[in-house]
Amino acid sequence: SRDESETAALIAPTTADGDAKGSGVCSRRNLILGTLLAILVVVIGGRAIFRNSSNSSSKTSFQISPIDDMGMLSVQRNDDALPSSVWGNHLHQEGHPLPTNSWYLNLVSHRAAYKPDDQTRVYTVPYIIDTASPYPGMEGLRVHWPIVQASDRTVQMVDDYKNVLCLGAEGFVGSDSDDTGIDGSYKVKDGPLSPLGVGLEWGDSTMSTNIIRGMPYASMEYNNTAVPTIYSYNGLSSDIQIDRDSPFEPETSEQPKVVCGENVVSVERHLHLHIEGSDFTWMVFFSKPVKVSCTTPNGETNPLLQDFKLSVLEDDDEDEESSSLVIRVALMNQCTTGHSTIQEHCMEKNAQPDQEGYERLLKAHAHVLPNSPTIDFEYSTTSDVNDNDDVAKIHIDWDATSTLDSSEELLMFGLPHHLESLSASGESNTTDFCVNSFHGHTCLVASSKWTLEESLGAPLSFLAPRPPKADLVPVI
């Protein structure tokens, strides 16, 4: 019959025309099945949304979670792709995004959380700072003073790791150690995050530091738990000079004030360390009187092979309620006698016009510290530079505090474009004490707050430089 023949054609067409008809029927059947499947997905999704409607009804579209409120799938990051534990309490603050491209991210990496080394470092200008431990039991900062080396293809900052000065404390143990002691790992300090620096603390605030872009001193603040320590891979090249007010001159006497491994001495304000090999002279500043001693940990008798450690045994302050101890170090002279292992340091030193003036400046401002700097922007239509241009004012507040009752300003290094803008805005606090950095001629600025001006140029226009084609005007 006719019905039977049509049914047979649907099931098993045998001609070319029959094949075309069968293909069309299959397409319609697939379309119907696809439509039914889409309806099923919509119904299931609608039930998921309805299930969570009681939780999300009071939320705006910006507050609804695609995962919790809409039933969508999520993607989980691997542990090594998540922010490291160095972020501390910042990891768990809602509405508190972590920086993803800040200059100091090497200090908060997973490597830094597990075992810091010479890769957990940052260029603060002009120092390079890393958080590697110089020897077991000591944690803190290693302070490098690099020099610029350039070729026709590269520009890089170069230094010898043995020329570093380590500022930290003893008494720490590693996270994988069974020994008792203070936890040697560090984390980011609580409080607002700054684009210009990061605060770190070790062992539940046993000691802490603020690493700030442009700092001329490296600083560390201590409580009474750990033993404040300064370490050098190289030994002393001349006597330690204590509280010297006159300009520094290397001295080697038969009866020095400090004999490593033998005596303890009191320091009121500062001391000079002239180091073998690097020929660096560092100044060490103390926020209050202390008693110190030094040793040669490796036990070598040859001065060229010795290392050096200075320990703060106790503070000499009789006021029991006085503030915590702050130690700051700064490189005063990078080629003291002309016998540096890297001769480029001597070329840099010769470019310094007034070495004694630089020493006086470091002494005068050592008690003023930056903490958590902030940057604010102000937009106006008037300018001291060009009345025809709109300008933006950039206000940098270094959040400076002082360990003394003094009116001295904060000392920080400024980059070339900072110096140009400060001069143009009338803030003439730029000094003549400059160094060459990766970013160019970098000079000290004595000011706790900076105001920079940036010309915005002519106003932006939404007019095209030439009219569009006539036939495209309706489309636009």
Protein backbone atom coordinates (compact mmCIF):
# COMPACT_ATOMS: atom_id res chain seq x y z
CA SER A 1 0.00 0.00 0.00
CA ARG A 2 0.98 3.70 -0.17
CA ASP A 3 1.49 4.05 3.59
CA GLU A 4 3.75 1.02 3.65
CA SER A 5 5.87 2.33 0.78
CA GLU A 6 6.36 5.73 2.49
CA THR A 7 7.38 4.00 5.70
CA ALA A 8 9.86 1.85 3.81
CA ALA A 9 11.31 4.96 2.15
CA LEU A 10 11.86 6.57 5.52
CA ILE A 11 13.63 3.51 6.86
CA ALA A 12 15.69 2.38 3.87
CA PRO A 13 15.56 4.64 0.79
CA THR A 14 17.09 2.94 -2.31
CA THR A 15 17.26 5.71 -4.95
CA ALA A 16 19.15 8.98 -5.21
CA ASP A 17 15.91 10.87 -4.81
CA GLY A 18 15.06 8.67 -1.87
CA ASP A 19 18.43 9.44 -0.26
CA ALA A 20 17.72 13.19 -0.40
CA LYS A 21 14.31 12.75 1.10
CA GLY A 22 15.67 10.56 3.90
CA SER A 23 18.38 13.09 4.70
CA GLY A 24 15.84 15.87 5.04
CA VAL A 25 13.74 13.81 7.44
CA CYS A 26 16.81 13.05 9.59
CA SER A 27 17.69 16.75 9.74
CA ARG A 28 14.20 17.58 10.97
CA ARG A 29 14.40 14.80 13.53
CA ASN A 30 17.79 16.10 14.83
CA LEU A 31 16.37 19.62 15.01
CA ILE A 32 13.46 18.40 17.13
CA LEU A 33 15.80 16.47 19.46
CA GLY A 34 18.15 19.47 19.79
CA THR A 35 15.25 21.75 20.66
CA LEU A 36 14.04 19.35 23.33
CA LEU A 37 17.56 19.12 24.80
CA ALA A 38 17.88 22.93 24.93
CA ILE A 39 14.52 23.20 26.71
CA LEU A 40 15.70 20.58 29.23
CA VAL A 41 18.91 22.55 29.95
CA VAL A 42 16.94 25.77 30.43
CA VAL A 43 14.53 24.05 32.82
CA ILE A 44 17.37 22.56 34.89
CA GLY A 45 19.23 25.89 34.96
CA GLY A 46 16.05 27.69 35.94
CA ARG A 47 15.56 25.30 38.86
CA ALA A 48 19.16 25.99 40.00
CA ILE A 49 18.54 29.73 39.88
CA PHE A 50 15.19 29.34 41.62
CA ARG A 51 16.85 27.24 44.33
CA ASN A 52 19.23 30.11 45.12
CA SER A 53 16.76 32.93 44.56
CA SER A 54 16.13 33.26 48.29
CA ASN A 55 19.85 33.93 48.84
CA SER A 56 20.36 36.27 45.91
CA SER A 57 17.06 38.17 45.89
CA SER A 58 18.55 40.96 48.02
CA LYS A 59 21.71 41.19 45.91
CA THR A 60 22.41 43.49 43.02
CA SER A 61 23.65 42.13 39.71
CA PHE A 62 27.20 43.04 40.77
CA GLN A 63 26.94 41.01 43.98
CA ILE A 64 25.53 37.78 42.58
CA SER A 65 28.05 34.96 42.51
CA PRO A 66 28.09 33.03 39.22
CA ILE A 67 29.07 29.92 41.18
CA ASP A 68 27.02 30.10 44.38
CA ASP A 69 23.93 31.90 43.06
CA MET A 70 23.73 30.73 39.45
CA GLY A 71 25.09 27.20 39.70
CA MET A 72 27.88 27.72 37.16
CA LEU A 73 31.05 25.67 37.17
CA SER A 74 34.23 27.08 38.76
CA VAL A 75 37.90 26.75 37.96
CA GLN A 76 40.33 26.08 40.80
CA ARG A 77 43.91 27.39 40.67
CA ASN A 78 46.83 25.15 41.50
CA ASP A 79 48.51 25.94 44.79
CA ASP A 80 51.60 27.31 43.06
CA ALA A 81 49.41 29.74 41.09
CA LEU A 82 47.73 31.16 44.19
CA PRO A 83 49.16 34.09 46.20
CA SER A 84 51.78 32.83 48.63
CA SER A 85 51.48 32.67 52.42
CA VAL A 86 53.83 35.66 52.68
CA TRP A 87 50.76 37.88 52.19
CA GLY A 88 49.63 36.93 55.71
CA ASN A 89 46.30 38.45 56.76
CA HIS A 90 45.97 40.25 53.42
CA LEU A 91 44.94 36.91 51.87
CA HIS A 92 41.63 36.83 53.75
CA GLN A 93 40.40 40.41 53.47
CA GLU A 94 37.27 40.85 51.38
CA GLY A 95 37.29 43.69 48.89
CA HIS A 96 41.06 43.95 49.28
CA PRO A 97 42.74 43.04 45.98
CA LEU A 98 46.39 42.05 46.01
CA PRO A 99 48.78 43.77 43.60
CA THR A 100 49.59 41.64 40.58
CA ASN A 101 52.45 43.60 39.03
CA SER A 102 54.12 45.57 41.81
CA TRP A 103 57.88 46.06 41.74
CA TYR A 104 58.35 44.13 44.98
CA LEU A 105 56.56 40.87 44.03
CA ASN A 106 59.80 38.85 44.21
CA LEU A 107 59.70 39.39 47.98
CA VAL A 108 56.24 37.79 48.33
CA SER A 109 56.64 34.85 45.96
CA HIS A 110 56.26 31.15 46.79
CA ARG A 111 60.05 30.93 46.73
CA ALA A 112 60.15 33.64 49.40
CA ALA A 113 57.57 31.76 51.47
CA TYR A 114 59.50 28.49 51.35
CA LYS A 115 63.19 29.43 51.35
CA PRO A 116 64.29 32.93 50.32
CA ASP A 117 67.45 33.16 48.25
CA ASP A 118 69.22 35.61 45.95
CA GLN A 119 66.23 35.51 43.60
CA THR A 120 63.90 36.98 46.20
CA ARG A 121 65.28 40.44 45.58
CA VAL A 122 64.18 43.88 44.45
CA TYR A 123 65.88 46.98 43.12
CA THR A 124 64.95 49.82 45.43
CA VAL A 125 67.21 52.39 43.68
CA PRO A 126 70.06 52.55 44.40
CA TYR A 127 70.25 49.40 46.59
CA ILE A 128 69.38 45.85 45.65
CA ILE A 129 67.68 44.15 48.61
CA ASP A 130 67.15 40.43 49.06
CA THR A 131 65.89 38.30 51.94
CA ALA A 132 68.28 35.34 51.70
CA SER A 133 69.70 34.05 54.97
CA PRO A 134 73.50 34.60 55.12
CA TYR A 135 73.93 31.60 57.46
CA PRO A 136 71.63 29.28 59.45
CA GLY A 137 69.94 31.04 62.33
CA MET A 138 70.14 34.58 60.92
CA GLU A 139 67.30 36.20 58.97
CA GLY A 140 66.80 39.69 57.62
CA LEU A 141 67.95 41.75 54.65
CA ARG A 142 71.04 41.56 52.48
CA VAL A 143 71.90 45.04 51.22
CA HIS A 144 73.76 45.23 47.88
CA TRP A 145 75.28 48.31 46.25
CA PRO A 146 75.41 47.59 42.48
CA ILE A 147 77.07 49.49 39.66
CA VAL A 148 75.74 50.08 36.15
CA GLN A 149 77.39 48.09 33.36
CA ALA A 150 76.27 48.71 29.78
CA SER A 151 77.11 47.40 26.34
CA ASP A 152 75.63 47.92 22.89
CA ARG A 153 72.99 45.31 23.75
CA THR A 154 72.43 45.31 27.51
CA VAL A 155 72.26 47.55 30.55
CA GLN A 156 72.48 45.77 33.90
CA MET A 157 73.17 46.30 37.58
CA VAL A 158 76.19 44.25 38.71
CA ASP A 159 77.49 43.46 42.18
CA ASP A 160 79.48 40.83 44.09
CA TYR A 161 77.30 39.07 46.66
CA LYS A 162 80.27 38.94 49.08
CA ASN A 163 80.18 42.74 49.22
CA VAL A 164 76.73 42.83 50.80
CA LEU A 165 75.98 43.94 54.34
CA CYS A 166 73.40 41.80 56.13
CA LEU A 167 71.01 43.48 58.57
CA GLY A 168 68.82 41.22 60.68
CA ALA A 169 68.86 39.09 63.79
CA GLU A 170 69.92 35.70 65.13
CA GLY A 171 67.81 33.10 66.89
CA PHE A 172 65.55 31.96 64.04
CA VAL A 173 64.79 28.45 62.78
CA GLY A 174 63.53 27.34 59.40
CA SER A 175 59.99 26.16 58.81
CA ASP A 176 61.29 22.63 58.08
CA SER A 177 63.49 22.47 61.20
CA ASP A 178 62.75 20.50 64.36
CA ASP A 179 64.83 22.89 66.50
CA THR A 180 63.18 25.28 68.91
CA GLY A 181 63.44 28.97 68.18
CA ILE A 182 61.71 31.86 66.47
CA ASP A 183 59.97 31.15 63.18
CA GLY A 184 62.35 32.35 60.47
CA SER A 185 59.70 32.97 57.80
CA TYR A 186 58.36 36.44 57.18
CA LYS A 187 55.06 37.93 56.05
CA VAL A 188 53.66 41.23 54.85
CA LYS A 189 52.72 43.54 57.71
CA ASP A 190 49.07 44.35 58.32
CA GLY A 191 47.76 47.69 57.15
CA PRO A 192 47.23 49.42 53.81
CA LEU A 193 49.43 48.29 50.93
CA SER A 194 51.60 50.95 49.33
CA PRO A 195 52.61 51.23 45.66
CA LEU A 196 56.01 52.56 46.77
CA GLY A 197 56.97 49.97 49.36
CA VAL A 198 56.15 46.88 51.35
CA GLY A 199 56.42 46.16 55.06
CA LEU A 200 57.75 42.78 56.21
CA GLU A 201 57.90 41.19 59.65
CA TRP A 202 59.61 38.08 60.97
CA GLY A 203 58.57 35.79 63.80
CA ASP A 204 55.34 37.47 64.87
CA SER A 205 56.83 40.99 64.88
CA THR A 206 60.16 39.93 66.37
CA MET A 207 61.65 42.31 63.85
CA SER A 208 60.18 44.28 60.97
CA THR A 209 61.22 46.50 58.09
CA ASN A 210 59.79 48.77 55.41
CA ILE A 211 61.39 48.35 51.99
CA ILE A 212 60.74 51.61 50.14
CA ARG A 213 61.65 52.70 46.62
CA GLY A 214 64.45 55.28 46.77
CA MET A 215 65.56 54.65 50.36
CA PRO A 216 69.15 55.72 51.18
CA TYR A 217 69.13 53.58 54.35
CA ALA A 218 68.05 50.00 55.02
CA SER A 219 66.19 49.82 58.34
CA MET A 220 65.13 47.18 60.85
CA GLU A 221 63.02 47.55 64.00
CA TYR A 222 63.42 45.05 66.88
CA ASN A 223 61.70 43.96 70.04
CA ASN A 224 63.55 42.18 72.86
CA THR A 225 63.24 38.62 71.52
CA ALA A 226 65.94 38.26 68.86
CA VAL A 227 69.59 39.36 68.88
CA PRO A 228 70.08 42.25 66.40
CA THR A 229 72.95 41.30 64.12
CA ILE A 230 74.99 42.78 61.28
CA TYR A 231 77.04 40.39 59.15
CA SER A 232 79.56 40.68 56.30
CA TYR A 233 81.09 37.87 54.24
CA ASN A 234 84.29 39.97 54.26
CA GLY A 235 86.19 41.01 57.39
CA LEU A 236 87.18 44.46 58.60
CA SER A 237 89.78 46.44 56.69
CA SER A 238 90.33 48.99 59.48
CA ASP A 239 89.19 49.74 63.03
CA ILE A 240 85.52 50.15 63.90
CA GLN A 241 85.04 53.84 64.71
CA ILE A 242 82.36 54.68 67.25
CA ASP A 243 80.38 57.95 67.47
CA ARG A 244 82.91 59.79 65.32
CA ASP A 245 81.80 63.36 64.60
CA SER A 246 84.67 64.33 62.31
CA PRO A 247 84.87 63.03 58.72
CA PHE A 248 85.77 59.35 58.51
CA GLU A 249 89.37 58.31 57.86
CA PRO A 250 90.48 54.65 57.93
CA GLU A 251 92.60 53.93 60.99
CA THR A 252 94.41 50.80 62.12
CA SER A 253 95.76 51.15 65.64
CA GLU A 254 97.52 48.74 67.97
CA GLN A 255 94.79 49.16 70.58
CA PRO A 256 91.44 49.60 68.80
CA LYS A 257 88.31 50.39 70.79
CA VAL A 258 86.62 47.24 69.53
CA VAL A 259 88.51 43.93 69.44
CA CYS A 260 86.47 41.12 67.90
CA GLY A 261 85.97 38.24 70.31
CA GLU A 262 87.35 40.14 73.32
CA ASN A 263 85.39 43.18 74.51
CA VAL A 264 81.98 44.83 74.65
CA VAL A 265 81.63 48.56 73.93
CA SER A 266 78.87 51.16 74.20
CA VAL A 267 77.60 53.07 71.18
CA GLU A 268 75.52 56.22 71.57
CA ARG A 269 74.47 57.03 67.98
CA HIS A 270 76.46 55.45 65.15
CA LEU A 271 79.58 53.64 64.03
CA HIS A 272 81.65 53.18 60.85
CA LEU A 273 82.50 49.80 59.31
CA HIS A 274 85.28 49.72 56.70
CA ILE A 275 85.11 46.33 54.96
CA GLU A 276 87.93 44.34 53.36
CA GLY A 277 87.71 43.42 49.66
CA SER A 278 84.81 45.66 48.68
CA ASP A 279 86.55 48.70 50.25
CA PHE A 280 83.06 49.84 51.28
CA THR A 281 82.53 52.00 54.34
CA TRP A 282 79.09 51.57 55.88
CA MET A 283 77.51 53.72 58.56
CA VAL A 284 75.35 51.98 61.17
CA PHE A 285 72.86 54.13 63.10
CA PHE A 286 71.09 53.21 66.36
CA SER A 287 67.91 54.86 67.60
CA LYS A 288 69.14 54.62 71.21
CA PRO A 289 72.38 53.73 73.05
CA VAL A 290 73.43 50.08 72.79
CA LYS A 291 76.23 47.70 73.78
CA VAL A 292 77.86 45.76 70.96
CA SER A 293 80.54 43.17 70.36
CA CYS A 294 82.01 41.60 67.23
CA THR A 295 83.31 38.16 66.27
CA THR A 296 84.87 36.34 63.32
CA PRO A 297 82.46 33.39 62.85
CA ASN A 298 84.61 31.44 60.37
CA GLY A 299 87.64 31.54 62.72
CA GLU A 300 90.11 32.55 60.00
CA THR A 301 93.25 34.41 61.08
CA ASN A 302 94.09 35.74 57.61
CA PRO A 303 92.34 39.16 57.30
CA LEU A 304 91.68 38.50 53.62
CA LEU A 305 89.65 35.38 54.45
CA GLN A 306 87.83 36.50 57.58
CA ASP A 307 84.16 37.31 57.84
CA PHE A 308 82.60 39.70 60.37
CA LYS A 309 79.62 39.73 62.72
CA LEU A 310 78.45 42.57 64.97
CA SER A 311 75.92 41.70 67.69
CA VAL A 312 73.83 44.07 69.77
CA LEU A 313 73.91 42.49 73.21
CA GLU A 314 71.58 44.94 74.95
CA ASP A 315 70.40 48.48 74.73
CA ASP A 316 71.97 50.99 77.07
CA ASP A 317 68.80 53.02 77.52
CA GLU A 318 67.77 53.33 81.17
CA ASP A 319 64.19 54.21 80.25
CA GLU A 320 62.36 50.89 80.39
CA GLU A 321 59.34 52.33 78.56
CA SER A 322 61.37 53.68 75.67
CA SER A 323 60.52 52.77 72.09
CA SER A 324 61.85 49.70 70.33
CA LEU A 325 65.34 49.65 68.84
CA VAL A 326 65.74 50.74 65.22
CA ILE A 327 68.98 50.05 63.34
CA ARG A 328 69.70 51.67 59.97
CA VAL A 329 72.63 51.08 57.62
CA ALA A 330 73.78 53.21 54.69
CA LEU A 331 76.72 52.99 52.33
CA MET A 332 78.83 56.08 52.93
CA ASN A 333 81.83 55.40 50.66
CA GLN A 334 82.06 52.74 47.93
CA CYS A 335 85.81 53.10 47.34
CA THR A 336 87.38 54.20 50.62
CA THR A 337 91.06 53.64 49.82
CA GLY A 338 90.95 52.97 46.07
CA HIS A 339 91.41 49.19 46.39
CA SER A 340 87.92 47.92 45.63
CA THR A 341 87.54 44.51 44.01
CA ILE A 342 85.26 46.18 41.44
CA GLN A 343 87.05 49.26 40.14
CA GLU A 344 83.86 50.79 38.73
CA HIS A 345 82.99 51.62 42.33
CA CYS A 346 86.01 53.93 42.43
CA MET A 347 84.84 55.66 39.27
CA GLU A 348 81.47 56.26 40.90
CA LYS A 349 83.10 57.56 44.07
CA ASN A 350 85.24 60.01 42.13
CA ALA A 351 82.06 61.50 40.66
CA GLN A 352 80.89 62.45 44.18
CA PRO A 353 81.90 66.11 44.61
CA ASP A 354 81.70 66.31 48.42
CA GLN A 355 82.21 63.01 50.26
CA GLU A 356 82.36 64.72 53.66
CA GLY A 357 79.13 66.58 52.95
CA TYR A 358 77.43 63.30 52.04
CA GLU A 359 78.52 61.81 55.38
CA ARG A 360 77.15 64.81 57.28
CA LEU A 361 73.85 64.53 55.40
CA LEU A 362 73.47 60.84 56.28
CA LYS A 363 74.13 61.60 59.95
CA ALA A 364 71.67 64.50 60.04
CA HIS A 365 68.70 62.60 58.59
CA ALA A 366 69.26 59.05 59.89
CA HIS A 367 66.52 59.32 62.52
CA VAL A 368 63.70 60.04 60.01
CA LEU A 369 62.14 56.89 58.51
CA PRO A 370 59.56 56.27 55.76
CA ASN A 371 56.76 53.83 56.57
CA SER A 372 53.82 53.24 54.22
CA PRO A 373 53.88 55.93 51.51
CA THR A 374 50.71 57.06 49.74
CA ILE A 375 50.15 58.63 46.32
CA ASP A 376 47.26 61.00 45.63
CA PHE A 377 46.34 62.83 42.43
CA GLU A 378 44.96 66.31 41.99
CA TYR A 379 43.69 67.65 38.69
CA SER A 380 43.44 71.34 37.92
CA THR A 381 43.58 73.73 34.97
CA THR A 382 46.35 76.00 36.25
CA SER A 383 50.06 75.37 36.20
CA ASP A 384 53.27 77.08 37.20
CA VAL A 385 54.87 75.47 34.17
CA ASN A 386 52.58 76.51 31.34
CA ASP A 387 49.30 78.32 31.88
CA ASN A 388 48.01 76.96 28.56
CA ASP A 389 48.26 73.32 29.65
CA ASP A 390 46.17 71.28 32.03
CA VAL A 391 48.28 69.64 34.73
CA ALA A 392 47.94 66.84 37.24
CA LYS A 393 49.61 67.16 40.63
CA ILE A 394 50.98 63.97 42.14
CA HIS A 395 51.24 64.14 45.93
CA ILE A 396 53.60 61.61 47.54
CA ASP A 397 53.41 61.38 51.31
CA TRP A 398 56.26 59.20 52.57
CA ASP A 399 54.52 58.71 55.94
CA ALA A 400 57.68 59.80 57.72
CA THR A 401 58.27 59.30 61.45
CA SER A 402 61.25 60.24 63.60
CA THR A 403 63.00 58.44 66.42
CA LEU A 404 64.04 61.84 67.82
CA ASP A 405 62.29 65.10 68.60
CA SER A 406 63.62 66.84 65.52
CA SER A 407 62.36 68.90 62.60
CA GLU A 408 64.67 67.32 60.02
CA GLU A 409 63.05 66.18 56.78
CA LEU A 410 63.08 62.69 55.33
CA LEU A 411 65.91 61.84 52.93
CA MET A 412 65.01 59.84 49.79
CA PHE A 413 66.50 59.33 46.32
CA GLY A 414 64.59 60.85 43.41
CA LEU A 415 64.68 59.68 39.80
CA PRO A 416 65.47 62.12 36.96
CA HIS A 417 61.82 62.86 36.12
CA HIS A 418 61.08 63.38 39.84
CA LEU A 419 63.91 65.90 40.12
CA GLU A 420 62.77 67.78 37.01
CA SER A 421 59.20 68.01 38.28
CA LEU A 422 60.21 69.02 41.81
CA SER A 423 62.36 71.83 40.43
CA ALA A 424 59.56 73.04 38.15
CA SER A 425 57.03 73.10 40.99
CA GLY A 426 59.31 75.24 43.17
CA GLU A 427 60.28 72.56 45.70
CA SER A 428 64.01 73.19 45.85
CA ASN A 429 64.88 70.43 48.36
CA THR A 430 66.98 68.48 45.87
CA THR A 431 70.59 68.06 46.97
CA ASP A 432 73.79 67.79 44.93
CA PHE A 433 74.49 64.26 46.20
CA CYS A 434 73.72 61.93 43.31
CA VAL A 435 74.54 58.43 42.06
CA ASN A 436 74.14 56.68 38.73
CA SER A 437 71.33 54.15 38.76
CA PHE A 438 69.62 51.92 36.23
CA HIS A 439 67.13 54.76 35.70
CA GLY A 440 69.69 57.52 35.29
CA HIS A 441 71.11 60.27 37.49
CA THR A 442 69.49 59.78 40.91
CA CYS A 443 69.82 62.45 43.61
CA LEU A 444 68.84 62.80 47.28
CA VAL A 445 65.80 64.92 48.12
CA ALA A 446 65.25 66.22 51.66
CA SER A 447 61.48 66.35 52.00
CA SER A 448 58.84 64.22 53.75
CA LYS A 449 56.19 65.11 51.16
CA TRP A 450 56.66 65.58 47.43
CA THR A 451 54.43 67.33 44.93
CA LEU A 452 55.12 66.50 41.29
CA GLU A 453 53.49 68.17 38.30
CA GLU A 454 52.65 66.32 35.12
CA SER A 455 51.48 68.21 32.06
CA LEU A 456 48.42 66.63 30.50
CA GLY A 457 48.82 68.50 27.22
CA ALA A 458 45.89 69.67 25.13
CA PRO A 459 42.41 68.34 25.99
CA LEU A 460 41.39 65.10 24.33
CA SER A 461 39.14 65.54 21.30
CA PHE A 462 36.46 63.23 19.99
CA LEU A 463 36.61 64.84 16.53
CA ALA A 464 38.26 62.89 13.75
CA PRO A 465 41.10 64.66 11.90
CA ARG A 466 39.13 64.14 8.68
CA PRO A 467 35.42 63.46 8.09
CA PRO A 468 34.28 59.87 7.52
CA LYS A 469 33.10 58.70 4.14
CA ALA A 470 29.61 59.85 3.32
CA ASP A 471 28.25 56.35 2.84
CA LEU A 472 29.45 55.35 6.36
CA VAL A 473 27.78 58.25 8.19
CA PRO A 474 24.44 56.38 8.57
CA VAL A 475 26.29 53.40 10.03
CA ILE A 476 28.06 55.59 12.59
